[in-house]
């Protein structure tokens, strides 16, 4: 993970340059904490999507 943290007009912004995921917070450490949470939620969503795709492939294969 390549992290870029900067002060915006009001909030600090933390951005993972590899994934493009970003978050913000009133303080630098809060922005980083929020980014970590956003990345975890993104990964959970990807995992759910993979589970749905695999389930659909199984259903399709059963009908062939």
C-alpha atoms as a PDB file:
ATOM      1  CA  UNK A   1       0.000   0.000   0.000  1.00  0.00           C
ATOM      2  CA  UNK A   2       1.329   3.409  -0.970  1.00  0.00           C
ATOM      3  CA  UNK A   3      -0.309   5.995   1.271  1.00  0.00           C
ATOM      4  CA  UNK A   4      -0.728   9.693   0.510  1.00  0.00           C
ATOM      5  CA  UNK A   5      -2.078  11.937   3.280  1.00  0.00           C
ATOM      6  CA  UNK A   6      -2.649  15.640   2.800  1.00  0.00           C
ATOM      7  CA  UNK A   7      -4.606  18.506   4.299  1.00  0.00           C
ATOM      8  CA  UNK A   8      -7.597  19.547   2.223  1.00  0.00           C
ATOM      9  CA  UNK A   9      -9.564  22.744   2.737  1.00  0.00           C
ATOM     10  CA  UNK A  10     -11.155  21.448   5.941  1.00  0.00           C
ATOM     11  CA  UNK A  11     -10.211  17.791   6.468  1.00  0.00           C
ATOM     12  CA  UNK A  12      -7.190  15.569   6.093  1.00  0.00           C
ATOM     13  CA  UNK A  13      -7.438  13.168   3.164  1.00  0.00           C
ATOM     14  CA  UNK A  14      -5.830   9.718   3.204  1.00  0.00           C
ATOM     15  CA  UNK A  15      -5.578   7.913  -0.115  1.00  0.00           C
ATOM     16  CA  UNK A  16      -4.242   4.494  -1.026  1.00  0.00           C
ATOM     17  CA  UNK A  17      -2.504   5.196  -4.328  1.00  0.00           C
ATOM     18  CA  UNK A  18      -2.576   1.538  -5.375  1.00  0.00           C
ATOM     19  CA  UNK A  19      -6.331   0.988  -5.048  1.00  0.00           C
ATOM     20  CA  UNK A  20      -7.578   4.568  -5.403  1.00  0.00           C
ATOM     21  CA  UNK A  21      -9.589   4.219  -2.200  1.00  0.00           C
ATOM     22  CA  UNK A  22      -9.662   7.408  -0.136  1.00  0.00           C
ATOM     23  CA  UNK A  23     -11.199   8.694   3.056  1.00  0.00           C
ATOM     24  CA  UNK A  24     -11.037  11.783   5.197  1.00  0.00           C
ATOM     25  CA  UNK A  25     -10.987  12.866   8.801  1.00  0.00           C
ATOM     26  CA  UNK A  26     -10.679  15.930  10.952  1.00  0.00           C
ATOM     27  CA  UNK A  27      -7.230  14.803  12.093  1.00  0.00           C
ATOM     28  CA  UNK A  28      -4.451  13.016  10.206  1.00  0.00           C
ATOM     29  CA  UNK A  29      -4.730   9.844  12.317  1.00  0.00           C
ATOM     30  CA  UNK A  30      -8.519   9.839  11.885  1.00  0.00           C
ATOM     31  CA  UNK A  31      -8.211  10.029   8.109  1.00  0.00           C
ATOM     32  CA  UNK A  32      -5.823   7.061   8.146  1.00  0.00           C
ATOM     33  CA  UNK A  33      -8.113   5.063  10.469  1.00  0.00           C
ATOM     34  CA  UNK A  34     -11.089   5.834   8.216  1.00  0.00           C
ATOM     35  CA  UNK A  35      -9.099   4.752   5.160  1.00  0.00           C
ATOM     36  CA  UNK A  36      -8.273   1.416   6.806  1.00  0.00           C
ATOM     37  CA  UNK A  37     -11.978   0.886   7.537  1.00  0.00           C
ATOM     38  CA  UNK A  38     -12.920   1.834   3.971  1.00  0.00           C
ATOM     39  CA  UNK A  39     -10.382  -0.629   2.588  1.00  0.00           C
ATOM     40  CA  UNK A  40     -11.720  -3.398   4.845  1.00  0.00           C
ATOM     41  CA  UNK A  41     -15.283  -2.694   3.696  1.00  0.00           C
ATOM     42  CA  UNK A  42     -14.127  -2.696   0.064  1.00  0.00           C
ATOM     43  CA  UNK A  43     -12.449  -6.084   0.548  1.00  0.00           C
ATOM     44  CA  UNK A  44     -15.563  -7.495   2.260  1.00  0.00           C
ATOM     45  CA  UNK A  45     -17.690  -6.341  -0.684  1.00  0.00           C
ATOM     46  CA  UNK A  46     -15.269  -7.967  -3.139  1.00  0.00           C
ATOM     47  CA  UNK A  47     -15.438 -11.214  -1.158  1.00  0.00           C
ATOM     48  CA  UNK A  48     -19.255 -11.163  -1.169  1.00  0.00           C
ATOM     49  CA  UNK A  49     -19.226 -10.544  -4.921  1.00  0.00           C
ATOM     50  CA  UNK A  50     -16.865 -13.497  -5.473  1.00  0.00           C
ATOM     51  CA  UNK A  51     -19.172 -15.722  -3.407  1.00  0.00           C
ATOM     52  CA  UNK A  52     -22.202 -14.690  -5.485  1.00  0.00           C
ATOM     53  CA  UNK A  53     -20.346 -15.208  -8.762  1.00  0.00           C
ATOM     54  CA  UNK A  54     -19.166 -18.669  -7.695  1.00  0.00           C
ATOM     55  CA  UNK A  55     -22.688 -19.646  -6.569  1.00  0.00           C
ATOM     56  CA  UNK A  56     -24.082 -18.519  -9.921  1.00  0.00           C
ATOM     57  CA  UNK A  57     -21.443 -20.515 -11.797  1.00  0.00           C
ATOM     58  CA  UNK A  58     -22.369 -23.629  -9.818  1.00  0.00           C
ATOM     59  CA  UNK A  59     -26.066 -23.137 -10.628  1.00  0.00           C
ATOM     60  CA  UNK A  60     -25.296 -22.655 -14.328  1.00  0.00           C
ATOM     61  CA  UNK A  61     -23.034 -25.715 -14.397  1.00  0.00           C
ATOM     62  CA  UNK A  62     -25.785 -27.828 -12.812  1.00  0.00           C
ATOM     63  CA  UNK A  63     -28.113 -26.941 -15.683  1.00  0.00           C
ATOM     64  CA  UNK A  64     -25.675 -27.808 -18.466  1.00  0.00           C
END
